[in-house]
Amino acid sequence: MPRSNTKRSSRSSIPVSSEEATRARIRALNKNESAKRLNQKLMAEVKGDIEKQTNDDDEWQPPSDGDLEEDDVSKTESEDSDILNPSEASKKARIRKLDDVKKSRSPDLTPLTSTSSSPTKDDLKKKVAEMEAKLQLLTNNAKNNDSVQSQGKDDNQFSDQSSPDKNLIDKESTEGGHHDSLFSSDDNMESPDKGKEKQRAKQEAKSPERDNTAGDGEELIDESDSLAYQLYTANDKDVVELCRKVYCKKKYVNSAFSQSANTTHCIRRLMPGVFKPDAVINCSLTGQKWRAAAKAGGDAHGQLDPLHPRAVQAILDYANKLGKAKLWLPMKLKKAKPVFSQRLTEMKAAIRKGKPL
C-alpha cells in the first residue's frame, strides 16, 4: 500500500510549464481563425459568381405544361450540390468562365458545306482537251489568214476558173486509197459541152487581160496559136484540165498532189505532164538563147520558141491553189521563173540522154 501511494504522488508531482500550454492554445486558435477566413472567402466568391450569373442570364421560366425537362432537373440538382459544397462550386464556376472565354475568342471552326464539289480527273481531262482543240483551231485560222493575205491578187485572178480545181483538190483530200478518184468529175473537162465553152468564152471576153498578165501584174509574152504544139489537148489519153484550158497527164497530177512538199516541188512535177517532150527540146522560158547554145549556133542574138505563157501561168495557178489547201507559201511568177528554167533544162538533158522524165 505505501508503494502505490508513492507512485501516484510522484506522477502528479511532475511539473507542466504554463508557457507551452499557452503556445498550444494560441496555435489552435490561429488554425481555427485561418480556416474561418478561408471559408468566408470561398463563400464570398461563390455568392459573387451566383449573383453575376443571375444578373447576366435571363430569368428562367418553366415550360407552359408545367413539367420540368430532364436537363433542367439535372441543372437544379447540380446547383444544389454546388451550394452544399462551396469549394467545388467555385471550381466549377471558374471552369465555366474559362470555357466561355475560350468560346468567345476561338473562331468558328465548323466545316462549311460547299455547294460545288471539287472537279474530278475526268472533268479536268475534258477541259484540257477542249482548250487544246480551241488552241489548234486558232492556230489553223491564223495560218489560213496569213496565207490568204499574202496571196492577195493571185487568188482573185483565177477565182472564176476555180471550180475544176476544187474538184481535184477536195476529192483528193478524202484519201480514198488511189488517186484515180480525183478525176471522177473530169469527164466533163475532157469533153466539155457547148454551154461551158460559151460561158468561158464570155468570161475571157470580159477580162481578156487575165491571160495576158501574170499574178504580180507582169506582162507575159504574147501567146499565139503557133505555140499550141507544145501542149497536150483534150483529145489525148489520160489527161485532165488544170485550168485555162491547159491539160496535164493524170499521173503527173497525182504525183504532184501526193508527193509535193511545197509550191516549187508541185511546179517541177507538173511541167513534164503539161509540155510535150519532143516539142520543148528547142524551147526556152523566154525564147532567148542561152550563151552556150548561141556560141554553138554562131548567133548570139538568136531566138527560140518560148514556153507557152498560158501553160506556165496555169501550172503556177494550180500550184498556188493546191498550196492554199495544204498551207504552203504562195509564189509569184517573178520568183517562179528560175524554177521553170531549171526544170526545163533538166527535161532537155533527160530527153537527149533518153532518160524518163
Protein backbone atom coordinates (compact mmCIF):
# COMPACT_ATOMS: atom_id res chain seq x y z
CA MET A 1 0.00 0.00 0.00
CA PRO A 2 2.59 2.57 0.79
CA ARG A 3 4.36 1.82 -2.54
CA SER A 4 1.27 2.59 -4.67
CA ASN A 5 0.74 5.87 -2.89
CA THR A 6 4.24 6.89 -3.58
CA LYS A 7 3.88 6.21 -7.37
CA ARG A 8 0.69 8.29 -7.67
CA SER A 9 2.19 11.11 -5.79
CA SER A 10 5.29 11.01 -7.99
CA ARG A 11 3.22 11.19 -11.25
CA SER A 12 1.08 14.10 -10.06
CA SER A 13 4.10 15.89 -8.83
CA ILE A 14 5.60 16.22 -12.43
CA PRO A 15 5.51 19.98 -13.23
CA VAL A 16 3.93 21.20 -16.58
CA SER A 17 5.17 24.58 -17.88
CA SER A 18 2.46 27.19 -18.40
CA GLU A 19 4.24 28.68 -21.42
CA GLU A 20 3.93 25.53 -23.51
CA ALA A 21 0.21 25.30 -22.75
CA THR A 22 -0.41 28.87 -23.85
CA ARG A 23 1.54 28.34 -27.05
CA ALA A 24 -0.53 25.29 -27.91
CA ARG A 25 -3.72 27.21 -27.29
CA ILE A 26 -2.56 30.10 -29.48
CA ARG A 27 -1.70 27.71 -32.31
CA ALA A 28 -5.10 26.09 -32.13
CA LEU A 29 -6.82 29.47 -32.20
CA ASN A 30 -4.77 30.60 -35.17
CA LYS A 31 -5.66 27.47 -37.13
CA ASN A 32 -9.33 27.96 -36.40
CA GLU A 33 -9.21 31.60 -37.45
CA SER A 34 -7.36 30.84 -40.71
CA ALA A 35 -9.88 28.12 -41.53
CA LYS A 36 -12.76 30.52 -40.86
CA ARG A 37 -11.18 33.17 -43.09
CA LEU A 38 -10.73 30.70 -45.97
CA ASN A 39 -14.31 29.55 -45.64
CA GLN A 40 -15.52 33.15 -45.63
CA LYS A 41 -13.52 33.97 -48.80
CA LEU A 42 -14.84 30.92 -50.62
CA MET A 43 -18.39 31.69 -49.63
CA ALA A 44 -18.00 35.30 -50.79
CA GLU A 45 -16.61 34.19 -54.16
CA VAL A 46 -19.41 31.68 -54.64
CA LYS A 47 -22.06 34.27 -53.77
CA GLY A 48 -20.49 36.77 -56.19
CA ASP A 49 -20.41 34.23 -59.01
CA ILE A 50 -24.01 33.26 -58.39
CA GLU A 51 -25.13 36.90 -58.39
CA LYS A 52 -23.29 37.58 -61.70
CA GLN A 53 -24.83 34.57 -63.37
CA THR A 54 -28.30 35.52 -62.23
CA ASN A 55 -27.83 39.12 -63.41
CA ASP A 56 -26.35 38.20 -66.84
CA ASP A 57 -28.67 35.36 -67.74
CA ASP A 58 -32.35 35.75 -68.44
CA GLU A 59 -34.82 34.66 -65.85
CA TRP A 60 -35.70 31.03 -66.23
CA GLN A 61 -39.35 30.16 -66.70
CA PRO A 62 -40.78 26.70 -66.55
CA PRO A 63 -42.44 25.23 -69.66
CA SER A 64 -46.05 26.00 -70.39
CA ASP A 65 -47.18 22.50 -69.49
CA GLY A 66 -45.62 22.82 -66.03
CA ASP A 67 -43.35 19.78 -66.47
CA LEU A 68 -39.63 20.14 -66.00
CA GLU A 69 -37.32 18.70 -68.60
CA GLU A 70 -34.53 16.31 -67.71
CA ASP A 71 -31.84 18.90 -68.41
CA ASP A 72 -33.47 21.40 -66.06
CA VAL A 73 -33.72 18.82 -63.31
CA SER A 74 -30.07 17.91 -63.67
CA LYS A 75 -29.16 21.62 -63.55
CA THR A 76 -31.09 22.20 -60.36
CA GLU A 77 -29.53 19.14 -58.75
CA SER A 78 -26.06 20.29 -59.70
CA GLU A 79 -26.77 23.78 -58.31
CA ASP A 80 -27.97 22.29 -55.01
CA SER A 81 -24.83 20.22 -54.75
CA ASP A 82 -22.74 23.31 -55.50
CA ILE A 83 -24.38 25.22 -52.68
CA LEU A 84 -23.71 22.39 -50.26
CA ASN A 85 -20.07 22.16 -51.38
CA PRO A 86 -18.82 25.75 -51.80
CA SER A 87 -15.27 24.74 -52.81
CA GLU A 88 -16.49 22.57 -55.67
CA ALA A 89 -18.97 25.25 -56.71
CA SER A 90 -16.20 27.83 -57.01
CA LYS A 91 -14.10 25.46 -59.10
CA LYS A 92 -16.98 24.75 -61.45
CA ALA A 93 -17.75 28.44 -61.78
CA ARG A 94 -14.17 29.19 -62.75
CA ILE A 95 -14.18 26.36 -65.29
CA ARG A 96 -17.37 27.74 -66.81
CA LYS A 97 -15.83 31.18 -67.12
CA LEU A 98 -12.77 29.76 -68.84
CA ASP A 99 -14.98 27.84 -71.27
CA ASP A 100 -16.98 30.97 -72.06
CA VAL A 101 -13.81 32.96 -72.71
CA LYS A 102 -12.41 30.26 -74.99
CA LYS A 103 -15.63 30.08 -76.96
CA SER A 104 -15.74 33.85 -77.40
CA ARG A 105 -12.12 34.05 -78.57
CA SER A 106 -11.87 30.89 -80.71
CA PRO A 107 -13.18 31.22 -84.32
CA ASP A 108 -15.99 29.13 -85.62
CA LEU A 109 -14.30 26.00 -86.90
CA THR A 110 -17.43 24.28 -88.11
CA PRO A 111 -16.86 22.97 -91.66
CA LEU A 112 -18.55 24.99 -94.34
CA THR A 113 -20.87 22.99 -96.54
CA SER A 114 -19.67 23.84 -100.06
CA THR A 115 -22.35 23.65 -102.70
CA SER A 116 -19.87 22.99 -105.54
CA SER A 117 -17.77 19.85 -105.28
CA SER A 118 -14.15 19.77 -106.49
CA PRO A 119 -13.68 18.70 -110.14
CA THR A 120 -12.65 15.13 -110.85
CA LYS A 121 -9.81 13.93 -113.07
CA ASP A 122 -12.19 13.22 -115.93
CA ASP A 123 -13.53 16.77 -115.78
CA LEU A 124 -10.02 18.18 -115.83
CA LYS A 125 -9.07 15.98 -118.80
CA LYS A 126 -12.14 17.14 -120.71
CA LYS A 127 -11.30 20.78 -120.02
CA VAL A 128 -7.70 20.26 -121.17
CA ALA A 129 -8.90 18.57 -124.36
CA GLU A 130 -11.32 21.43 -125.07
CA MET A 131 -8.58 24.00 -124.55
CA GLU A 132 -6.20 22.11 -126.86
CA ALA A 133 -8.88 21.89 -129.55
CA LYS A 134 -9.56 25.62 -129.30
CA LEU A 135 -5.83 26.38 -129.48
CA GLN A 136 -5.42 24.17 -132.56
CA LEU A 137 -8.39 25.85 -134.22
CA LEU A 138 -6.95 29.30 -133.53
CA THR A 139 -3.55 28.35 -134.97
CA ASN A 140 -5.15 26.90 -138.10
CA ASN A 141 -7.23 30.03 -138.59
CA ALA A 142 -4.15 32.21 -138.16
CA LYS A 143 -2.25 30.19 -140.77
CA ASN A 144 -5.13 30.38 -143.21
CA ASN A 145 -5.45 34.14 -142.74
CA ASP A 146 -1.72 34.63 -143.31
CA SER A 147 -1.76 32.57 -146.50
CA VAL A 148 -4.82 34.39 -147.83
CA GLN A 149 -3.38 37.83 -147.12
CA SER A 150 -0.01 37.01 -148.67
CA GLN A 151 -1.60 35.59 -151.79
CA GLY A 152 -3.66 38.72 -152.42
CA LYS A 153 -4.37 39.36 -156.05
CA ASP A 154 -3.09 35.95 -157.24
CA ASP A 155 -6.12 34.20 -155.78
CA ASN A 156 -8.54 36.69 -157.31
CA GLN A 157 -7.17 36.25 -160.82
CA PHE A 158 -8.18 32.61 -161.17
CA SER A 159 -11.21 32.62 -158.85
CA ASP A 160 -13.54 32.32 -161.88
CA GLN A 161 -11.87 29.10 -163.02
CA SER A 162 -11.65 27.58 -159.52
CA SER A 163 -14.46 25.05 -159.96
CA PRO A 164 -12.39 22.33 -161.71
CA ASP A 165 -9.53 22.88 -159.26
CA LYS A 166 -11.86 22.43 -156.30
CA ASN A 167 -12.99 19.10 -157.70
CA LEU A 168 -9.38 17.95 -157.96
CA ILE A 169 -8.30 19.11 -154.51
CA ASP A 170 -11.40 18.30 -152.47
CA LYS A 171 -11.67 14.78 -153.80
CA GLU A 172 -8.01 14.07 -153.15
CA SER A 173 -8.25 15.32 -149.56
CA THR A 174 -10.66 12.48 -148.72
CA GLU A 175 -7.77 9.96 -149.07
CA GLY A 176 -9.71 7.22 -150.75
CA GLY A 177 -6.67 5.00 -151.40
CA HIS A 178 -5.58 5.58 -155.02
CA HIS A 179 -5.74 8.98 -156.72
CA ASP A 180 -7.89 7.96 -159.68
CA SER A 181 -10.92 9.10 -157.70
CA LEU A 182 -9.52 12.62 -158.01
CA PHE A 183 -10.76 12.94 -161.53
CA SER A 184 -14.16 11.29 -161.28
CA SER A 185 -15.68 14.58 -162.41
CA ASP A 186 -13.08 15.24 -165.11
CA ASP A 187 -15.05 13.55 -167.89
CA ASN A 188 -16.82 16.83 -168.37
CA MET A 189 -13.43 18.51 -168.66
CA GLU A 190 -12.23 16.09 -171.34
CA SER A 191 -15.36 16.58 -173.42
CA PRO A 192 -16.83 19.94 -172.34
CA ASP A 193 -20.25 20.77 -173.62
CA LYS A 194 -21.11 23.84 -175.60
CA GLY A 195 -22.66 25.62 -172.61
CA LYS A 196 -19.41 25.57 -170.63
CA GLU A 197 -17.42 26.68 -173.66
CA LYS A 198 -19.73 29.64 -174.18
CA GLN A 199 -19.52 30.57 -170.51
CA ARG A 200 -15.72 30.50 -170.55
CA ALA A 201 -15.64 32.49 -173.77
CA LYS A 202 -17.79 35.16 -172.16
CA GLN A 203 -15.53 35.29 -169.10
CA GLU A 204 -12.43 35.64 -171.25
CA ALA A 205 -14.13 38.36 -173.30
CA LYS A 206 -14.99 40.28 -170.13
CA SER A 207 -11.45 40.02 -168.71
CA PRO A 208 -9.03 39.49 -171.61
CA GLU A 209 -6.13 40.76 -169.56
CA ARG A 210 -6.41 37.71 -167.29
CA ASP A 211 -4.40 35.56 -169.69
CA ASN A 212 -2.00 38.30 -170.69
CA THR A 213 -0.78 39.25 -167.21
CA ALA A 214 0.99 37.31 -164.52
CA GLY A 215 -0.10 37.05 -160.91
CA ASP A 216 2.06 40.02 -159.92
CA GLY A 217 0.91 42.30 -162.76
CA GLU A 218 3.87 41.45 -165.01
CA GLU A 219 3.24 41.37 -168.77
CA LEU A 220 3.55 37.90 -170.31
CA ILE A 221 4.76 37.18 -173.82
CA ASP A 222 2.07 37.44 -176.47
CA GLU A 223 0.76 33.95 -176.95
CA SER A 224 -0.36 32.68 -180.33
CA ASP A 225 -1.62 29.51 -181.88
CA SER A 226 1.87 28.75 -183.12
CA LEU A 227 2.87 27.62 -179.58
CA ALA A 228 -0.03 25.21 -179.14
CA TYR A 229 2.11 22.35 -180.44
CA GLN A 230 3.89 22.27 -177.05
CA LEU A 231 0.76 21.29 -175.11
CA TYR A 232 -1.48 18.30 -174.74
CA THR A 233 -5.09 18.63 -175.82
CA ALA A 234 -8.38 17.24 -174.58
CA ASN A 235 -8.22 14.56 -177.27
CA ASP A 236 -5.07 12.99 -175.77
CA LYS A 237 -5.35 10.00 -173.45
CA ASP A 238 -5.24 10.19 -169.66
CA VAL A 239 -5.26 13.97 -169.42
CA VAL A 240 -7.10 16.31 -167.08
CA GLU A 241 -7.59 20.05 -167.23
CA LEU A 242 -5.66 22.08 -164.70
CA CYS A 243 -7.16 25.47 -165.62
CA ARG A 244 -7.14 27.98 -168.50
CA LYS A 245 -7.79 25.13 -170.99
CA VAL A 246 -4.41 23.64 -170.16
CA TYR A 247 -4.32 19.86 -169.87
CA CYS A 248 -1.90 17.63 -167.97
CA LYS A 249 -1.20 13.92 -167.81
CA LYS A 250 -3.09 12.36 -164.93
CA LYS A 251 -0.09 10.52 -163.45
CA TYR A 252 1.89 13.76 -163.13
CA VAL A 253 -1.03 15.48 -161.40
CA ASN A 254 -1.30 12.56 -158.98
CA SER A 255 2.44 12.70 -158.31
CA ALA A 256 2.35 16.46 -157.75
CA PHE A 257 -0.60 16.19 -155.40
CA SER A 258 0.67 13.33 -153.25
CA GLN A 259 4.46 13.84 -153.23
CA SER A 260 4.93 17.61 -153.34
CA ALA A 261 6.04 19.34 -150.16
CA ASN A 262 5.82 22.95 -151.40
CA THR A 263 4.92 25.07 -154.43
CA THR A 264 8.31 24.57 -156.10
CA HIS A 265 8.01 20.78 -155.98
CA CYS A 266 4.50 20.96 -157.43
CA ILE A 267 5.67 23.08 -160.40
CA ARG A 268 8.56 20.74 -161.15
CA ARG A 269 6.31 17.67 -161.12
CA LEU A 270 3.62 19.23 -163.33
CA MET A 271 5.87 20.53 -166.13
CA PRO A 272 6.59 17.12 -167.81
CA GLY A 273 2.86 16.39 -167.84
CA VAL A 274 1.90 19.72 -169.44
CA PHE A 275 4.61 20.17 -172.10
CA LYS A 276 5.37 17.52 -174.72
CA PRO A 277 8.97 16.30 -174.50
CA ASP A 278 9.66 16.41 -178.25
CA ALA A 279 8.22 19.92 -178.50
CA VAL A 280 10.25 21.69 -175.81
CA ILE A 281 13.66 20.37 -176.85
CA ASN A 282 14.28 23.58 -178.81
CA CYS A 283 12.49 25.99 -176.44
CA SER A 284 13.41 28.26 -173.56
CA LEU A 285 11.32 30.03 -170.96
CA THR A 286 11.51 33.47 -172.61
CA GLY A 287 12.60 32.46 -176.14
CA GLN A 288 16.12 33.82 -175.66
CA LYS A 289 19.09 31.59 -176.47
CA TRP A 290 21.47 30.82 -173.65
CA ARG A 291 25.15 31.57 -174.11
CA ALA A 292 26.32 28.03 -174.78
CA ALA A 293 23.70 27.49 -177.48
CA ALA A 294 24.45 30.88 -179.01
CA LYS A 295 28.15 30.07 -179.26
CA ALA A 296 27.44 26.68 -180.80
CA GLY A 297 24.98 28.15 -183.31
CA GLY A 298 27.11 31.18 -184.02
CA ASP A 299 24.23 33.59 -183.41
CA ALA A 300 24.49 35.32 -180.06
CA HIS A 301 21.13 37.03 -180.52
CA GLY A 302 19.17 34.12 -181.96
CA GLN A 303 15.59 33.45 -180.89
CA LEU A 304 13.95 30.23 -179.65
CA ASP A 305 10.31 29.44 -179.11
CA PRO A 306 9.24 30.40 -175.58
CA LEU A 307 7.22 28.12 -173.36
CA HIS A 308 3.51 28.60 -173.78
CA PRO A 309 2.79 31.52 -171.38
CA ARG A 310 -0.76 30.40 -170.65
CA ALA A 311 0.51 26.94 -169.70
CA VAL A 312 3.19 28.45 -167.45
CA GLN A 313 0.57 30.57 -165.70
CA ALA A 314 -1.81 27.59 -165.40
CA ILE A 315 0.88 25.49 -163.70
CA LEU A 316 1.64 28.32 -161.27
CA ASP A 317 -2.05 28.90 -160.55
CA TYR A 318 -2.68 25.23 -159.85
CA ALA A 319 0.40 25.01 -157.58
CA ASN A 320 -0.74 28.06 -155.59
CA LYS A 321 -4.27 26.73 -155.38
CA LEU A 322 -3.03 23.39 -154.08
CA GLY A 323 -0.64 25.20 -151.74
CA LYS A 324 -3.50 27.16 -150.24
CA ALA A 325 -5.23 23.90 -149.31
CA LYS A 326 -2.01 22.43 -147.89
CA LEU A 327 -0.83 25.66 -146.20
CA TRP A 328 2.19 26.26 -148.44
CA LEU A 329 3.74 29.64 -149.08
CA PRO A 330 2.40 31.18 -152.31
CA MET A 331 4.72 32.06 -155.20
CA LYS A 332 4.54 34.78 -157.83
CA LEU A 333 5.66 34.45 -161.44
CA LYS A 334 8.78 36.55 -160.92
CA LYS A 335 10.10 34.14 -158.29
CA ALA A 336 8.82 31.08 -160.15
CA LYS A 337 10.73 31.81 -163.39
CA PRO A 338 14.03 30.29 -162.14
CA VAL A 339 12.12 27.14 -161.17
CA PHE A 340 10.64 26.82 -164.67
CA SER A 341 14.01 27.48 -166.33
CA GLN A 342 15.91 24.97 -164.20
CA ARG A 343 13.30 22.26 -164.68
CA LEU A 344 13.22 22.88 -168.45
CA THR A 345 17.00 22.46 -168.61
CA GLU A 346 16.75 19.17 -166.70
CA MET A 347 13.99 17.96 -169.03
CA LYS A 348 16.09 18.72 -172.11
CA ALA A 349 19.11 16.90 -170.70
CA ALA A 350 17.00 13.85 -169.86
CA ILE A 351 15.39 13.87 -173.33
CA ARG A 352 18.77 13.99 -175.07
CA LYS A 353 20.06 11.09 -172.96
CA GLY A 354 16.88 9.10 -173.47
CA LYS A 355 16.01 9.02 -169.76
CA PRO A 356 12.42 9.14 -168.49
CA LEU A 357 11.18 12.44 -167.12
